[in-house]
Amino acid sequence: MSDDLLRRLYDLARMGPTSGNCLPMRLVFVRSPEAKERLRPCLSSGNVRQTMAAPVTAIVAHDLEFYEKLPRLYPAADARSWFAATTS
């Protein structure tokens, strides 16, 4: 799978509807045999063979502190306060 195709896939995923231009999704594409070996201990036994054979494995995660980037991504308002817990 080419780098260009992976970039295009990411570009499509990031263009979904958001609130305040935030995107908590974090995405890592794992392709090299060395990287897949590092991933192996985290896989369930039923997924090892398929993951090792796949041309690309995508790790999709959620950034729990995505709102820290909102002052730059959505400067029109205090969007960080929409998501961050307040402490008083």
PDB file of N, CA and C in Angstrom:
ATOM      1  N   MET A   1       0.864  -1.164   0.000  1.00  0.00           N
ATOM      2  CA  MET A   1       0.000   0.000   0.000  1.00  0.00           C
ATOM      3  C   MET A   1       0.913   1.230   0.000  1.00  0.00           C
ATOM      4  N   SER A   2       0.641   2.159  -0.878  1.00  0.00           N
ATOM      5  CA  SER A   2       1.521   3.318  -1.044  1.00  0.00           C
ATOM      6  C   SER A   2       1.291   4.380   0.032  1.00  0.00           C
ATOM      7  N   ASP A   3       2.337   5.177   0.265  1.00  0.00           N
ATOM      8  CA  ASP A   3       2.212   6.305   1.195  1.00  0.00           C
ATOM      9  C   ASP A   3       1.108   7.247   0.743  1.00  0.00           C
ATOM     10  N   ASP A   4       1.003   7.456  -0.568  1.00  0.00           N
ATOM     11  CA  ASP A   4      -0.028   8.363  -1.102  1.00  0.00           C
ATOM     12  C   ASP A   4      -1.431   7.864  -0.753  1.00  0.00           C
ATOM     13  N   LEU A   5      -1.668   6.587  -0.913  1.00  0.00           N
ATOM     14  CA  LEU A   5      -2.992   6.040  -0.593  1.00  0.00           C
ATOM     15  C   LEU A   5      -3.288   6.165   0.904  1.00  0.00           C
ATOM     16  N   LEU A   6      -2.301   5.909   1.745  1.00  0.00           N
ATOM     17  CA  LEU A   6      -2.505   6.045   3.187  1.00  0.00           C
ATOM     18  C   LEU A   6      -2.798   7.497   3.557  1.00  0.00           C
ATOM     19  N   ARG A   7      -2.107   8.447   2.933  1.00  0.00           N
ATOM     20  CA  ARG A   7      -2.398   9.871   3.175  1.00  0.00           C
ATOM     21  C   ARG A   7      -3.815  10.219   2.735  1.00  0.00           C
ATOM     22  N   ARG A   8      -4.233   9.689   1.608  1.00  0.00           N
ATOM     23  CA  ARG A   8      -5.593   9.965   1.119  1.00  0.00           C
ATOM     24  C   ARG A   8      -6.639   9.375   2.068  1.00  0.00           C
ATOM     25  N   LEU A   9      -6.381   8.184   2.591  1.00  0.00           N
ATOM     26  CA  LEU A   9      -7.304   7.580   3.563  1.00  0.00           C
ATOM     27  C   LEU A   9      -7.407   8.436   4.824  1.00  0.00           C
ATOM     28  N   TYR A  10      -6.259   8.888   5.310  1.00  0.00           N
ATOM     29  CA  TYR A  10      -6.258   9.752   6.493  1.00  0.00           C
ATOM     30  C   TYR A  10      -7.003  11.055   6.201  1.00  0.00           C
ATOM     31  N   ASP A  11      -6.749  11.650   5.040  1.00  0.00           N
ATOM     32  CA  ASP A  11      -7.423  12.903   4.688  1.00  0.00           C
ATOM     33  C   ASP A  11      -8.937  12.740   4.677  1.00  0.00           C
ATOM     34  N   LEU A  12      -9.426  11.611   4.187  1.00  0.00           N
ATOM     35  CA  LEU A  12     -10.873  11.364   4.208  1.00  0.00           C
ATOM     36  C   LEU A  12     -11.385  11.226   5.642  1.00  0.00           C
ATOM     37  N   ALA A  13     -10.652  10.503   6.469  1.00  0.00           N
ATOM     38  CA  ALA A  13     -11.082  10.280   7.856  1.00  0.00           C
ATOM     39  C   ALA A  13     -11.113  11.581   8.645  1.00  0.00           C
ATOM     40  N   ARG A  14     -10.169  12.463   8.414  1.00  0.00           N
ATOM     41  CA  ARG A  14     -10.105  13.692   9.202  1.00  0.00           C
ATOM     42  C   ARG A  14     -11.112  14.748   8.755  1.00  0.00           C
ATOM     43  N   MET A  15     -11.761  14.536   7.640  1.00  0.00           N
ATOM     44  CA  MET A  15     -12.709  15.520   7.131  1.00  0.00           C
ATOM     45  C   MET A  15     -14.142  15.281   7.611  1.00  0.00           C
ATOM     46  N   GLY A  16     -14.329  14.345   8.515  1.00  0.00           N
ATOM     47  CA  GLY A  16     -15.657  14.105   9.053  1.00  0.00           C
ATOM     48  C   GLY A  16     -16.136  15.279   9.891  1.00  0.00           C
ATOM     49  N   PRO A  17     -17.414  15.335  10.212  1.00  0.00           N
ATOM     50  CA  PRO A  17     -17.929  16.439  11.010  1.00  0.00           C
ATOM     51  C   PRO A  17     -17.297  16.470  12.402  1.00  0.00           C
ATOM     52  N   THR A  18     -17.005  17.662  12.855  1.00  0.00           N
ATOM     53  CA  THR A  18     -16.404  17.844  14.172  1.00  0.00           C
ATOM     54  C   THR A  18     -17.073  19.012  14.883  1.00  0.00           C
ATOM     55  N   SER A  19     -16.796  19.145  16.140  1.00  0.00           N
ATOM     56  CA  SER A  19     -17.213  20.339  16.863  1.00  0.00           C
ATOM     57  C   SER A  19     -15.953  21.143  17.132  1.00  0.00           C
ATOM     58  N   GLY A  20     -15.897  22.338  16.631  1.00  0.00           N
ATOM     59  CA  GLY A  20     -14.753  23.209  16.873  1.00  0.00           C
ATOM     60  C   GLY A  20     -13.465  22.743  16.227  1.00  0.00           C
ATOM     61  N   ASN A  21     -13.539  22.088  15.088  1.00  0.00           N
ATOM     62  CA  ASN A  21     -12.349  21.599  14.381  1.00  0.00           C
ATOM     63  C   ASN A  21     -11.505  20.638  15.200  1.00  0.00           C
ATOM     64  N   CYS A  22     -12.114  19.956  16.151  1.00  0.00           N
ATOM     65  CA  CYS A  22     -11.327  19.020  16.948  1.00  0.00           C
ATOM     66  C   CYS A  22     -11.444  17.619  16.348  1.00  0.00           C
ATOM     67  N   LEU A  23     -10.374  16.910  16.439  1.00  0.00           N
ATOM     68  CA  LEU A  23     -10.359  15.530  15.969  1.00  0.00           C
ATOM     69  C   LEU A  23      -9.549  14.712  16.966  1.00  0.00           C
ATOM     70  N   PRO A  24     -10.204  14.024  17.884  1.00  0.00           N
ATOM     71  CA  PRO A  24      -9.481  13.258  18.897  1.00  0.00           C
ATOM     72  C   PRO A  24      -8.803  12.010  18.335  1.00  0.00           C
ATOM     73  N   MET A  25      -9.115  11.630  17.084  1.00  0.00           N
ATOM     74  CA  MET A  25      -8.526  10.431  16.505  1.00  0.00           C
ATOM     75  C   MET A  25      -7.028  10.606  16.303  1.00  0.00           C
ATOM     76  N   ARG A  26      -6.296   9.589  16.693  1.00  0.00           N
ATOM     77  CA  ARG A  26      -4.872   9.503  16.392  1.00  0.00           C
ATOM     78  C   ARG A  26      -4.677   8.196  15.641  1.00  0.00           C
ATOM     79  N   LEU A  27      -3.900   8.250  14.581  1.00  0.00           N
ATOM     80  CA  LEU A  27      -3.781   7.123  13.669  1.00  0.00           C
ATOM     81  C   LEU A  27      -2.319   6.823  13.396  1.00  0.00           C
ATOM     82  N   VAL A  28      -1.968   5.553  13.508  1.00  0.00           N
ATOM     83  CA  VAL A  28      -0.616   5.097  13.186  1.00  0.00           C
ATOM     84  C   VAL A  28      -0.747   3.937  12.209  1.00  0.00           C
ATOM     85  N   PHE A  29      -0.009   4.021  11.103  1.00  0.00           N
ATOM     86  CA  PHE A  29       0.037   2.925  10.139  1.00  0.00           C
ATOM     87  C   PHE A  29       1.307   2.120  10.401  1.00  0.00           C
ATOM     88  N   VAL A  30       1.160   0.817  10.599  1.00  0.00           N
ATOM     89  CA  VAL A  30       2.283  -0.070  10.888  1.00  0.00           C
ATOM     90  C   VAL A  30       2.510  -0.941   9.655  1.00  0.00           C
ATOM     91  N   ARG A  31       3.707  -0.833   9.082  1.00  0.00           N
ATOM     92  CA  ARG A  31       3.974  -1.591   7.849  1.00  0.00           C
ATOM     93  C   ARG A  31       5.208  -2.475   7.918  1.00  0.00           C
ATOM     94  N   SER A  32       6.254  -2.040   8.552  1.00  0.00           N
ATOM     95  CA  SER A  32       7.501  -2.799   8.501  1.00  0.00           C
ATOM     96  C   SER A  32       7.403  -4.066   9.358  1.00  0.00           C
ATOM     97  N   PRO A  33       8.124  -5.098   8.965  1.00  0.00           N
ATOM     98  CA  PRO A  33       8.131  -6.322   9.783  1.00  0.00           C
ATOM     99  C   PRO A  33       8.612  -6.056  11.213  1.00  0.00           C
ATOM    100  N   GLU A  34       9.582  -5.151  11.372  1.00  0.00           N
ATOM    101  CA  GLU A  34      10.083  -4.827  12.702  1.00  0.00           C
ATOM    102  C   GLU A  34       8.994  -4.178  13.570  1.00  0.00           C
ATOM    103  N   ALA A  35       8.258  -3.259  12.988  1.00  0.00           N
ATOM    104  CA  ALA A  35       7.181  -2.594  13.730  1.00  0.00           C
ATOM    105  C   ALA A  35       6.066  -3.584  14.071  1.00  0.00           C
ATOM    106  N   LYS A  36       5.766  -4.485  13.154  1.00  0.00           N
ATOM    107  CA  LYS A  36       4.732  -5.488  13.436  1.00  0.00           C
ATOM    108  C   LYS A  36       5.166  -6.429  14.557  1.00  0.00           C
ATOM    109  N   GLU A  37       6.449  -6.731  14.618  1.00  0.00           N
ATOM    110  CA  GLU A  37       6.948  -7.572  15.714  1.00  0.00           C
ATOM    111  C   GLU A  37       6.789  -6.864  17.062  1.00  0.00           C
ATOM    112  N   ARG A  38       6.981  -5.549  17.074  1.00  0.00           N
ATOM    113  CA  ARG A  38       6.775  -4.788  18.310  1.00  0.00           C
ATOM    114  C   ARG A  38       5.296  -4.794  18.706  1.00  0.00           C
ATOM    115  N   LEU A  39       4.432  -4.881  17.720  1.00  0.00           N
ATOM    116  CA  LEU A  39       2.988  -4.894  17.952  1.00  0.00           C
ATOM    117  C   LEU A  39       2.497  -6.276  18.417  1.00  0.00           C
ATOM    118  N   ARG A  40       3.207  -7.310  18.029  1.00  0.00           N
ATOM    119  CA  ARG A  40       2.773  -8.696  18.274  1.00  0.00           C
ATOM    120  C   ARG A  40       2.316  -8.962  19.715  1.00  0.00           C
ATOM    121  N   PRO A  41       3.045  -8.538  20.755  1.00  0.00           N
ATOM    122  CA  PRO A  41       2.610  -8.843  22.124  1.00  0.00           C
ATOM    123  C   PRO A  41       1.261  -8.220  22.496  1.00  0.00           C
ATOM    124  N   CYS A  42       0.826  -7.220  21.763  1.00  0.00           N
ATOM    125  CA  CYS A  42      -0.448  -6.545  22.068  1.00  0.00           C
ATOM    126  C   CYS A  42      -1.632  -7.178  21.351  1.00  0.00           C
ATOM    127  N   LEU A  43      -1.368  -8.119  20.475  1.00  0.00           N
ATOM    128  CA  LEU A  43      -2.426  -8.720  19.660  1.00  0.00           C
ATOM    129  C   LEU A  43      -3.043  -9.929  20.348  1.00  0.00           C
ATOM    130  N   SER A  44      -4.325 -10.120  20.084  1.00  0.00           N
ATOM    131  CA  SER A  44      -4.937 -11.367  20.558  1.00  0.00           C
ATOM    132  C   SER A  44      -4.440 -12.491  19.651  1.00  0.00           C
ATOM    133  N   SER A  45      -4.384 -13.693  20.169  1.00  0.00           N
ATOM    134  CA  SER A  45      -3.816 -14.818  19.420  1.00  0.00           C
ATOM    135  C   SER A  45      -4.532 -15.050  18.091  1.00  0.00           C
ATOM    136  N   GLY A  46      -5.801 -14.740  18.044  1.00  0.00           N
ATOM    137  CA  GLY A  46      -6.554 -14.940  16.806  1.00  0.00           C
ATOM    138  C   GLY A  46      -6.264 -13.921  15.718  1.00  0.00           C
ATOM    139  N   ASN A  47      -5.528 -12.860  16.050  1.00  0.00           N
ATOM    140  CA  ASN A  47      -5.224 -11.823  15.063  1.00  0.00           C
ATOM    141  C   ASN A  47      -3.768 -11.774  14.623  1.00  0.00           C
ATOM    142  N   VAL A  48      -2.919 -12.578  15.231  1.00  0.00           N
ATOM    143  CA  VAL A  48      -1.483 -12.494  14.929  1.00  0.00           C
ATOM    144  C   VAL A  48      -1.201 -12.806  13.472  1.00  0.00           C
ATOM    145  N   ARG A  49      -1.673 -13.922  12.975  1.00  0.00           N
ATOM    146  CA  ARG A  49      -1.368 -14.335  11.597  1.00  0.00           C
ATOM    147  C   ARG A  49      -1.814 -13.281  10.582  1.00  0.00           C
ATOM    148  N   GLN A  50      -3.049 -12.783  10.730  1.00  0.00           N
ATOM    149  CA  GLN A  50      -3.576 -11.807   9.780  1.00  0.00           C
ATOM    150  C   GLN A  50      -2.802 -10.491   9.848  1.00  0.00           C
ATOM    151  N   THR A  51      -2.479 -10.056  11.054  1.00  0.00           N
ATOM    152  CA  THR A  51      -1.760  -8.793  11.220  1.00  0.00           C
ATOM    153  C   THR A  51      -0.369  -8.880  10.616  1.00  0.00           C
ATOM    154  N   MET A  52       0.328  -9.976  10.850  1.00  0.00           N
ATOM    155  CA  MET A  52       1.679 -10.131  10.319  1.00  0.00           C
ATOM    156  C   MET A  52       1.670 -10.224   8.799  1.00  0.00           C
ATOM    157  N   ALA A  53       0.601 -10.756   8.230  1.00  0.00           N
ATOM    158  CA  ALA A  53       0.521 -10.916   6.777  1.00  0.00           C
ATOM    159  C   ALA A  53      -0.021  -9.673   6.068  1.00  0.00           C
ATOM    160  N   ALA A  54      -0.716  -8.826   6.780  1.00  0.00           N
ATOM    161  CA  ALA A  54      -1.344  -7.651   6.157  1.00  0.00           C
ATOM    162  C   ALA A  54      -0.287  -6.662   5.661  1.00  0.00           C
ATOM    163  N   PRO A  55      -0.549  -5.992   4.547  1.00  0.00           N
ATOM    164  CA  PRO A  55       0.408  -4.991   4.068  1.00  0.00           C
ATOM    165  C   PRO A  55       0.509  -3.789   5.011  1.00  0.00           C
ATOM    166  N   VAL A  56      -0.598  -3.479   5.703  1.00  0.00           N
ATOM    167  CA  VAL A  56      -0.636  -2.348   6.632  1.00  0.00           C
ATOM    168  C   VAL A  56      -1.587  -2.698   7.767  1.00  0.00           C
ATOM    169  N   THR A  57      -1.206  -2.306   8.976  1.00  0.00           N
ATOM    170  CA  THR A  57      -2.108  -2.390  10.120  1.00  0.00           C
ATOM    171  C   THR A  57      -2.306  -0.974  10.630  1.00  0.00           C
ATOM    172  N   ALA A  58      -3.556  -0.568  10.799  1.00  0.00           N
ATOM    173  CA  ALA A  58      -3.857   0.766  11.315  1.00  0.00           C
ATOM    174  C   ALA A  58      -4.198   0.664  12.796  1.00  0.00           C
ATOM    175  N   ILE A  59      -3.519   1.473  13.579  1.00  0.00           N
ATOM    176  CA  ILE A  59      -3.851   1.600  14.996  1.00  0.00           C
ATOM    177  C   ILE A  59      -4.632   2.904  15.126  1.00  0.00           C
ATOM    178  N   VAL A  60      -5.872   2.798  15.533  1.00  0.00           N
ATOM    179  CA  VAL A  60      -6.734   3.962  15.689  1.00  0.00           C
ATOM    180  C   VAL A  60      -6.950   4.172  17.184  1.00  0.00           C
ATOM    181  N   ALA A  61      -6.620   5.367  17.646  1.00  0.00           N
ATOM    182  CA  ALA A  61      -6.717   5.662  19.072  1.00  0.00           C
ATOM    183  C   ALA A  61      -7.438   6.986  19.293  1.00  0.00           C
ATOM    184  N   HIS A  62      -7.747   7.255  20.537  1.00  0.00           N
ATOM    185  CA  HIS A  62      -8.447   8.467  20.938  1.00  0.00           C
ATOM    186  C   HIS A  62      -7.547   9.243  21.897  1.00  0.00           C
ATOM    187  N   ASP A  63      -7.226  10.474  21.534  1.00  0.00           N
ATOM    188  CA  ASP A  63      -6.416  11.342  22.385  1.00  0.00           C
ATOM    189  C   ASP A  63      -7.322  11.917  23.470  1.00  0.00           C
ATOM    190  N   LEU A  64      -7.095  11.516  24.717  1.00  0.00           N
ATOM    191  CA  LEU A  64      -7.952  11.957  25.815  1.00  0.00           C
ATOM    192  C   LEU A  64      -7.789  13.440  26.133  1.00  0.00           C
ATOM    193  N   GLU A  65      -6.714  14.048  25.667  1.00  0.00           N
ATOM    194  CA  GLU A  65      -6.500  15.482  25.904  1.00  0.00           C
ATOM    195  C   GLU A  65      -6.442  16.256  24.580  1.00  0.00           C
ATOM    196  N   PHE A  66      -7.265  15.841  23.617  1.00  0.00           N
ATOM    197  CA  PHE A  66      -7.306  16.491  22.314  1.00  0.00           C
ATOM    198  C   PHE A  66      -7.606  17.978  22.419  1.00  0.00           C
ATOM    199  N   TYR A  67      -8.343  18.357  23.438  1.00  0.00           N
ATOM    200  CA  TYR A  67      -8.779  19.745  23.600  1.00  0.00           C
ATOM    201  C   TYR A  67      -7.619  20.704  23.840  1.00  0.00           C
ATOM    202  N   GLU A  68      -6.455  20.173  24.219  1.00  0.00           N
ATOM    203  CA  GLU A  68      -5.299  21.043  24.435  1.00  0.00           C
ATOM    204  C   GLU A  68      -4.836  21.710  23.140  1.00  0.00           C
ATOM    205  N   LYS A  69      -5.197  21.142  22.010  1.00  0.00           N
ATOM    206  CA  LYS A  69      -4.812  21.710  20.717  1.00  0.00           C
ATOM    207  C   LYS A  69      -5.852  22.696  20.168  1.00  0.00           C
ATOM    208  N   LEU A  70      -6.973  22.815  20.828  1.00  0.00           N
ATOM    209  CA  LEU A  70      -8.049  23.659  20.311  1.00  0.00           C
ATOM    210  C   LEU A  70      -7.745  25.153  20.269  1.00  0.00           C
ATOM    211  N   PRO A  71      -6.963  25.715  21.164  1.00  0.00           N
ATOM    212  CA  PRO A  71      -6.661  27.145  21.016  1.00  0.00           C
ATOM    213  C   PRO A  71      -6.028  27.476  19.661  1.00  0.00           C
ATOM    214  N   ARG A  72      -5.271  26.538  19.112  1.00  0.00           N
ATOM    215  CA  ARG A  72      -4.675  26.757  17.784  1.00  0.00           C
ATOM    216  C   ARG A  72      -5.647  26.375  16.665  1.00  0.00           C
ATOM    217  N   LEU A  73      -6.399  25.303  16.856  1.00  0.00           N
ATOM    218  CA  LEU A  73      -7.283  24.810  15.805  1.00  0.00           C
ATOM    219  C   LEU A  73      -8.589  25.589  15.697  1.00  0.00           C
ATOM    220  N   TYR A  74      -9.034  26.164  16.792  1.00  0.00           N
ATOM    221  CA  TYR A  74     -10.313  26.888  16.808  1.00  0.00           C
ATOM    222  C   TYR A  74     -10.153  28.148  17.657  1.00  0.00           C
ATOM    223  N   PRO A  75      -9.421  29.137  17.138  1.00  0.00           N
ATOM    224  CA  PRO A  75      -9.143  30.334  17.930  1.00  0.00           C
ATOM    225  C   PRO A  75     -10.337  31.283  18.079  1.00  0.00           C
ATOM    226  N   ALA A  76     -11.428  31.033  17.385  1.00  0.00           N
ATOM    227  CA  ALA A  76     -12.575  31.940  17.408  1.00  0.00           C
ATOM    228  C   ALA A  76     -13.294  31.959  18.753  1.00  0.00           C
ATOM    229  N   ALA A  77     -13.106  30.917  19.537  1.00  0.00           N
ATOM    230  CA  ALA A  77     -13.783  30.827  20.836  1.00  0.00           C
ATOM    231  C   ALA A  77     -12.922  29.997  21.781  1.00  0.00           C
ATOM    232  N   ASP A  78     -13.308  29.984  23.047  1.00  0.00           N
ATOM    233  CA  ASP A  78     -12.599  29.160  24.024  1.00  0.00           C
ATOM    234  C   ASP A  78     -13.132  27.735  23.943  1.00  0.00           C
ATOM    235  N   ALA A  79     -12.841  27.057  22.841  1.00  0.00           N
ATOM    236  CA  ALA A  79     -13.362  25.706  22.617  1.00  0.00           C
ATOM    237  C   ALA A  79     -12.771  24.700  23.593  1.00  0.00           C
ATOM    238  N   ARG A  80     -11.598  24.987  24.115  1.00  0.00           N
ATOM    239  CA  ARG A  80     -10.980  24.077  25.084  1.00  0.00           C
ATOM    240  C   ARG A  80     -11.905  23.879  26.282  1.00  0.00           C
ATOM    241  N   SER A  81     -12.546  24.953  26.716  1.00  0.00           N
ATOM    242  CA  SER A  81     -13.421  24.869  27.893  1.00  0.00           C
ATOM    243  C   SER A  81     -14.661  24.007  27.642  1.00  0.00           C
ATOM    244  N   TRP A  82     -14.995  23.762  26.389  1.00  0.00           N
ATOM    245  CA  TRP A  82     -16.145  22.915  26.085  1.00  0.00           C
ATOM    246  C   TRP A  82     -15.891  21.465  26.500  1.00  0.00           C
ATOM    247  N   PHE A  83     -14.610  21.078  26.525  1.00  0.00           N
ATOM    248  CA  PHE A  83     -14.257  19.678  26.753  1.00  0.00           C
ATOM    249  C   PHE A  83     -13.446  19.447  28.012  1.00  0.00           C
ATOM    250  N   ALA A  84     -12.612  20.410  28.391  1.00  0.00           N
ATOM    251  CA  ALA A  84     -11.708  20.230  29.534  1.00  0.00           C
ATOM    252  C   ALA A  84     -12.491  20.330  30.826  1.00  0.00           C
ATOM    253  N   ALA A  85     -12.136  19.464  31.759  1.00  0.00           N
ATOM    254  CA  ALA A  85     -12.761  19.529  33.079  1.00  0.00           C
ATOM    255  C   ALA A  85     -12.271  20.781  33.791  1.00  0.00           C
ATOM    256  N   THR A  86     -13.169  21.446  34.439  1.00  0.00           N
ATOM    257  CA  THR A  86     -12.784  22.643  35.178  1.00  0.00           C
ATOM    258  C   THR A  86     -12.549  22.291  36.631  1.00  0.00           C
ATOM    259  N   THR A  87     -11.559  22.919  37.207  1.00  0.00           N
ATOM    260  CA  THR A  87     -11.295  22.701  38.631  1.00  0.00           C
ATOM    261  C   THR A  87     -11.335  24.062  39.318  1.00  0.00           C
ATOM    262  N   SER A  88     -12.022  24.116  40.417  1.00  0.00           N
ATOM    263  CA  SER A  88     -12.143  25.374  41.170  1.00  0.00           C
ATOM    264  C   SER A  88     -11.779  25.153  42.611  1.00  0.00           C
TER     265      SER A  88
END
